[in-house]
């Protein structure tokens, strides 16, 4: 059975101050998405789809795409590698892109750019996040049993394990009921303080450290795409026309589809320490954590022979 890992790698990383998707951070200059790919292949995934900016193809092919084509998945078949470009060519003709619009339209738009390549159950992740091996194992198993229509899955993380001391973060704060996702509230400015407390700065209210949040780790069946396209076109008509910086986000879409009874989302809970590089100051902590994972045997000394410094040069 074909099961895809879709890596959203077209983000600009503006708060980080550089192209963090290809920042070599591991002990042998591995980039974060290499850990996601390694964990996914170990769990049973056999197809990797990169959603990229137009100018990233050759770089990613050199870093890991070419190497992956030589690998075999757990089922014994070669790993399939696909690239999808997130650009304005996929925007419907009815929408006129404002001249001041330079960035793509967010994560829903990103996934729609890969629609033609996806005909199987899929897991969608951010390129610049580390999720932990257990998340991929849970999601792979869940995708084997999800009904073909009207169902999806999400790996949820504890808020306290996903915040940064170096600035605010945006998270989809979740409401759960009986293992199902009931609501997602996109919260744009969450601040972690040295004493471990967390606060929603926009609403000026505390947040529980044990709150479950979405980190864009989703499991979908191919039947999601018609729902997603309708949602995105409504976004272009009703939101993007009034705000040239508006983004169409997966957690917000999921909340809408649940509340309109179009989608049921199972939540797979992870107590793992998520980490990523929202800010440059996060880099040292991430590098230290990855080094410890290699040292403890979670990962081999080097993920693959392509993870060398010269291959990470821009």
Protein backbone atom coordinates (compact mmCIF):
# COMPACT_ATOMS: atom_id res chain seq x y z
CA UNK A 1 0.00 0.00 0.00
CA UNK A 2 1.36 3.40 -0.97
CA UNK A 3 1.45 5.93 1.89
CA UNK A 4 2.90 9.41 1.35
CA UNK A 5 4.78 11.81 3.57
CA UNK A 6 4.14 15.36 2.33
CA UNK A 7 6.73 17.89 3.50
CA UNK A 8 5.72 21.54 3.31
CA UNK A 9 9.06 23.20 2.59
CA UNK A 10 8.03 26.40 0.80
CA UNK A 11 7.83 28.61 3.92
CA UNK A 12 10.07 31.63 3.96
CA UNK A 13 11.11 31.46 7.63
CA UNK A 14 10.89 35.23 8.10
CA UNK A 15 11.12 35.20 11.90
CA UNK A 16 14.09 32.83 11.77
CA UNK A 17 15.99 35.19 9.51
CA UNK A 18 17.04 32.70 6.85
CA UNK A 19 16.11 29.60 4.91
CA UNK A 20 15.79 27.32 7.92
CA UNK A 21 14.47 24.43 5.81
CA UNK A 22 18.03 23.83 4.55
CA UNK A 23 20.01 24.89 7.61
CA UNK A 24 22.33 22.00 8.50
CA UNK A 25 21.70 21.53 12.21
CA UNK A 26 22.51 17.87 12.95
CA UNK A 27 25.95 16.54 14.01
CA UNK A 28 26.86 15.88 10.35
CA UNK A 29 25.01 18.93 9.02
CA UNK A 30 21.69 17.10 8.64
CA UNK A 31 18.69 19.34 8.04
CA UNK A 32 15.56 18.86 10.13
CA UNK A 33 13.51 17.32 7.33
CA UNK A 34 16.07 14.52 7.01
CA UNK A 35 15.04 13.36 10.48
CA UNK A 36 11.39 13.42 9.45
CA UNK A 37 12.17 11.39 6.33
CA UNK A 38 14.26 8.89 8.29
CA UNK A 39 11.54 8.41 10.92
CA UNK A 40 8.80 8.13 8.28
CA UNK A 41 10.65 5.48 6.27
CA UNK A 42 11.31 3.53 9.45
CA UNK A 43 7.57 3.63 10.19
CA UNK A 44 6.61 2.30 6.74
CA UNK A 45 6.01 5.34 4.51
CA UNK A 46 7.19 4.74 0.95
CA UNK A 47 6.61 8.00 -0.94
CA UNK A 48 8.05 11.45 -0.16
CA UNK A 49 6.44 14.58 -1.62
CA UNK A 50 8.28 17.88 -1.25
CA UNK A 51 6.25 21.08 -1.59
CA UNK A 52 8.82 23.71 -2.48
CA UNK A 53 9.42 27.20 -3.77
CA UNK A 54 10.22 27.38 -7.51
CA UNK A 55 13.96 27.82 -6.92
CA UNK A 56 14.45 24.98 -4.40
CA UNK A 57 14.29 21.88 -6.63
CA UNK A 58 17.99 21.46 -7.42
CA UNK A 59 19.02 22.15 -3.84
CA UNK A 60 16.67 19.59 -2.32
CA UNK A 61 17.49 17.04 -5.01
CA UNK A 62 21.15 17.40 -4.06
CA UNK A 63 20.54 17.30 -0.31
CA UNK A 64 18.20 14.33 -0.08
CA UNK A 65 15.97 13.73 -3.13
CA UNK A 66 18.64 12.03 -5.21
CA UNK A 67 19.79 9.91 -2.29
CA UNK A 68 16.24 8.83 -1.49
CA UNK A 69 15.80 7.42 -4.99
CA UNK A 70 18.46 4.84 -4.16
CA UNK A 71 16.67 3.73 -0.98
CA UNK A 72 14.10 1.00 -0.54
CA UNK A 73 11.09 1.34 1.72
CA UNK A 74 10.15 -1.30 4.28
CA UNK A 75 7.90 -2.97 1.68
CA UNK A 76 10.95 -3.60 -0.50
CA UNK A 77 10.02 -1.15 -3.23
CA UNK A 78 12.09 1.93 -4.15
CA UNK A 79 11.15 5.11 -2.34
CA UNK A 80 9.14 7.37 -4.65
CA UNK A 81 10.19 11.03 -4.67
CA UNK A 82 7.91 13.79 -6.01
CA UNK A 83 8.24 17.57 -6.11
CA UNK A 84 5.31 20.01 -6.16
CA UNK A 85 5.82 23.75 -6.51
CA UNK A 86 3.85 26.25 -4.44
CA UNK A 87 3.42 29.33 -6.60
CA UNK A 88 0.67 31.52 -7.98
CA UNK A 89 0.09 29.37 -11.09
CA UNK A 90 -2.35 27.23 -9.10
CA UNK A 91 -4.61 30.16 -8.15
CA UNK A 92 -8.08 30.05 -9.79
CA UNK A 93 -8.66 32.50 -12.62
CA UNK A 94 -11.47 34.31 -10.79
CA UNK A 95 -9.00 35.73 -8.24
CA UNK A 96 -6.73 38.64 -9.14
CA UNK A 97 -3.52 38.51 -7.12
CA UNK A 98 -2.80 41.92 -5.55
CA UNK A 99 0.47 43.48 -6.78
CA UNK A 100 1.72 43.72 -3.18
CA UNK A 101 1.22 39.99 -2.58
CA UNK A 102 4.60 38.23 -2.60
CA UNK A 103 4.10 35.22 -0.31
CA UNK A 104 1.99 32.14 -1.09
CA UNK A 105 -1.41 31.67 0.55
CA UNK A 106 -0.52 29.39 3.44
CA UNK A 107 -0.63 25.70 4.22
CA UNK A 108 -3.98 24.88 2.59
CA UNK A 109 -2.69 26.39 -0.64
CA UNK A 110 0.54 24.40 -0.22
CA UNK A 111 -1.25 21.09 0.03
CA UNK A 112 -3.49 21.88 -2.94
CA UNK A 113 -0.35 22.45 -5.02
CA UNK A 114 0.47 18.75 -4.47
CA UNK A 115 -3.04 17.48 -5.25
CA UNK A 116 -2.16 15.95 -8.63
CA UNK A 117 0.60 13.88 -7.02
CA UNK A 118 -1.47 12.41 -4.18
CA UNK A 119 -3.71 9.39 -4.77
CA UNK A 120 -3.13 7.59 -1.48
CA UNK A 121 -3.34 8.16 2.28
CA UNK A 122 -0.91 10.88 3.27
CA UNK A 123 0.72 12.54 6.25
CA UNK A 124 1.41 16.28 6.05
CA UNK A 125 4.17 17.96 8.07
CA UNK A 126 6.25 21.13 8.27
CA UNK A 127 9.79 20.86 6.91
CA UNK A 128 11.32 22.78 9.79
CA UNK A 129 9.87 20.83 12.73
CA UNK A 130 11.13 17.79 14.60
CA UNK A 131 8.21 15.59 15.67
CA UNK A 132 9.80 12.40 17.06
CA UNK A 133 9.75 8.86 15.64
CA UNK A 134 6.67 7.78 17.60
CA UNK A 135 4.48 10.30 15.78
CA UNK A 136 5.20 8.70 12.41
CA UNK A 137 4.57 5.22 13.76
CA UNK A 138 1.19 6.28 15.16
CA UNK A 139 0.19 8.10 11.99
CA UNK A 140 1.22 5.29 9.65
CA UNK A 141 -0.89 2.83 11.60
CA UNK A 142 -3.81 5.26 11.71
CA UNK A 143 -3.73 5.78 7.95
CA UNK A 144 -4.13 2.03 7.45
CA UNK A 145 -7.53 2.08 9.13
CA UNK A 146 -9.03 5.50 8.37
CA UNK A 147 -12.26 5.35 6.33
CA UNK A 148 -11.86 6.70 2.80
CA UNK A 149 -14.40 9.50 3.22
CA UNK A 150 -15.02 12.12 5.89
CA UNK A 151 -12.20 11.20 8.26
CA UNK A 152 -8.73 12.51 9.08
CA UNK A 153 -6.17 12.35 11.89
CA UNK A 154 -3.85 14.70 13.72
CA UNK A 155 -0.92 14.22 16.08
CA UNK A 156 -1.35 16.59 19.00
CA UNK A 157 1.45 17.89 21.21
CA UNK A 158 1.46 19.45 24.65
CA UNK A 159 1.79 23.22 24.44
CA UNK A 160 4.55 23.26 27.05
CA UNK A 161 6.67 21.08 24.71
CA UNK A 162 6.31 23.38 21.70
CA UNK A 163 6.90 26.97 22.87
CA UNK A 164 10.03 29.12 22.68
CA UNK A 165 11.64 31.33 25.29
CA UNK A 166 12.98 33.54 22.50
CA UNK A 167 9.71 35.02 21.25
CA UNK A 168 6.05 34.33 20.58
CA UNK A 169 4.80 31.35 18.59
CA UNK A 170 1.56 30.63 16.76
CA UNK A 171 -0.27 27.42 17.67
CA UNK A 172 -3.64 25.86 17.00
CA UNK A 173 -4.96 25.28 20.54
CA UNK A 174 -7.23 22.23 20.44
CA UNK A 175 -10.38 21.13 22.22
CA UNK A 176 -10.71 17.34 22.46
CA UNK A 177 -13.57 15.03 23.31
CA UNK A 178 -13.30 11.26 23.43
CA UNK A 179 -10.15 11.17 21.31
CA UNK A 180 -11.72 13.39 18.64
CA UNK A 181 -10.82 16.92 17.72
CA UNK A 182 -13.76 19.24 18.42
CA UNK A 183 -12.25 22.67 17.81
CA UNK A 184 -8.99 24.41 16.91
CA UNK A 185 -8.41 28.01 17.94
CA UNK A 186 -5.53 29.58 16.03
CA UNK A 187 -3.59 31.57 18.63
CA UNK A 188 -1.01 33.87 17.08
CA UNK A 189 1.06 35.17 20.02
CA UNK A 190 1.87 32.58 22.67
CA UNK A 191 4.71 33.47 25.03
CA UNK A 192 6.60 31.01 27.21
CA UNK A 193 8.21 32.43 30.35
CA UNK A 194 11.27 31.09 32.25
CA UNK A 195 9.06 29.80 35.09
CA UNK A 196 7.16 27.58 32.64
CA UNK A 197 3.98 29.65 32.47
CA UNK A 198 2.40 30.44 29.11
CA UNK A 199 0.27 33.34 28.00
CA UNK A 200 -1.88 34.29 25.03
CA UNK A 201 -0.65 37.85 24.60
CA UNK A 202 -3.43 38.90 22.22
CA UNK A 203 -6.20 37.80 24.59
CA UNK A 204 -4.12 38.64 27.69
CA UNK A 205 -4.90 35.34 29.38
CA UNK A 206 -2.90 32.39 30.68
CA UNK A 207 -2.74 29.10 28.82
CA UNK A 208 -2.51 25.67 30.44
CA UNK A 209 0.87 24.04 29.78
CA UNK A 210 -0.91 20.70 29.19
CA UNK A 211 -3.11 22.14 26.43
CA UNK A 212 -3.00 20.06 23.25
CA UNK A 213 -1.89 21.97 20.16
CA UNK A 214 -1.70 21.30 16.46
CA UNK A 215 1.81 21.36 14.97
CA UNK A 216 0.68 20.72 11.38
CA UNK A 217 1.03 16.95 11.64
CA UNK A 218 -2.05 15.81 9.74
CA UNK A 219 -3.24 12.55 8.23
CA UNK A 220 -5.60 12.77 5.25
CA UNK A 221 -7.22 10.52 2.71
CA UNK A 222 -7.30 11.68 -0.95
CA UNK A 223 -10.98 12.57 -0.50
CA UNK A 224 -9.87 15.68 1.43
CA UNK A 225 -8.91 17.54 -1.73
CA UNK A 226 -12.38 18.48 -3.03
CA UNK A 227 -13.29 19.80 0.43
CA UNK A 228 -10.00 21.63 0.61
CA UNK A 229 -10.39 23.23 -2.81
CA UNK A 230 -13.89 24.49 -2.02
CA UNK A 231 -12.64 25.92 1.28
CA UNK A 232 -9.68 27.61 -0.40
CA UNK A 233 -11.81 29.18 -3.13
CA UNK A 234 -14.18 30.53 -0.48
CA UNK A 235 -11.14 31.96 1.32
CA UNK A 236 -10.02 33.75 -1.85
CA UNK A 237 -13.50 35.21 -2.38
CA UNK A 238 -14.23 36.24 1.19
CA UNK A 239 -10.92 36.86 2.98
CA UNK A 240 -7.94 37.28 0.68
CA UNK A 241 -9.62 40.05 -1.30
CA UNK A 242 -9.70 42.29 1.78
CA UNK A 243 -6.33 41.33 3.22
CA UNK A 244 -3.38 40.82 0.85
CA UNK A 245 -1.37 39.20 3.66
CA UNK A 246 -4.04 36.68 4.69
CA UNK A 247 -3.08 33.00 4.83
CA UNK A 248 -5.31 29.96 4.47
CA UNK A 249 -4.24 27.63 7.28
CA UNK A 250 -4.82 23.91 7.80
CA UNK A 251 -5.89 24.19 11.47
CA UNK A 252 -8.49 26.84 10.62
CA UNK A 253 -9.77 24.73 7.73
CA UNK A 254 -9.96 21.68 9.97
CA UNK A 255 -11.97 23.63 12.53
CA UNK A 256 -14.44 24.74 9.85
CA UNK A 257 -14.83 21.27 8.32
CA UNK A 258 -15.48 19.77 11.75
CA UNK A 259 -18.05 22.38 12.72
CA UNK A 260 -19.89 21.93 9.41
CA UNK A 261 -19.92 18.13 9.92
CA UNK A 262 -17.81 17.47 6.85
CA UNK A 263 -14.85 15.89 8.66
CA UNK A 264 -14.15 13.84 11.78
CA UNK A 265 -10.58 14.08 13.06
CA UNK A 266 -8.99 11.51 15.36
CA UNK A 267 -6.30 12.87 17.68
CA UNK A 268 -3.15 10.85 18.30
CA UNK A 269 -1.45 12.23 21.41
CA UNK A 270 2.30 12.60 21.67
CA UNK A 271 4.15 13.43 24.86
CA UNK A 272 7.41 13.81 22.89
CA UNK A 273 9.37 17.01 22.95
CA UNK A 274 8.67 18.76 19.67
CA UNK A 275 11.31 21.21 18.61
CA UNK A 276 11.92 23.57 15.75
CA UNK A 277 13.71 26.76 14.84
CA UNK A 278 11.28 29.63 14.97
CA UNK A 279 14.03 32.03 15.98
CA UNK A 280 17.80 32.03 15.44
CA UNK A 281 18.22 31.75 19.21
CA UNK A 282 16.52 28.32 19.07
CA UNK A 283 19.27 26.89 16.89
CA UNK A 284 21.73 26.00 19.65
CA UNK A 285 19.12 24.12 21.68
CA UNK A 286 17.97 22.16 18.63
CA UNK A 287 21.54 21.23 17.71
CA UNK A 288 22.17 20.07 21.27
CA UNK A 289 18.99 17.97 21.32
CA UNK A 290 19.82 16.28 18.01
CA UNK A 291 23.35 15.52 19.14
CA UNK A 292 21.95 13.82 22.25
CA UNK A 293 19.53 11.74 20.15
CA UNK A 294 22.41 10.48 18.02
CA UNK A 295 24.54 9.80 21.08
CA UNK A 296 21.77 7.79 22.76
CA UNK A 297 21.28 5.57 19.71
CA UNK A 298 17.91 6.92 18.58
CA UNK A 299 19.63 7.78 15.30
CA UNK A 300 22.74 6.30 13.67
CA UNK A 301 25.95 8.29 13.73
CA UNK A 302 25.02 9.77 10.35
CA UNK A 303 21.57 9.64 8.76
CA UNK A 304 22.90 9.13 5.24
CA UNK A 305 26.04 9.75 3.23
CA UNK A 306 24.58 12.84 1.58
CA UNK A 307 24.51 14.69 4.91
CA UNK A 308 27.85 16.38 4.40
CA UNK A 309 28.65 20.09 4.82
CA UNK A 310 29.44 20.72 1.17
CA UNK A 311 26.00 19.46 0.17
CA UNK A 312 24.25 22.02 2.35
CA UNK A 313 25.77 25.08 0.72
CA UNK A 314 23.25 27.37 -0.92
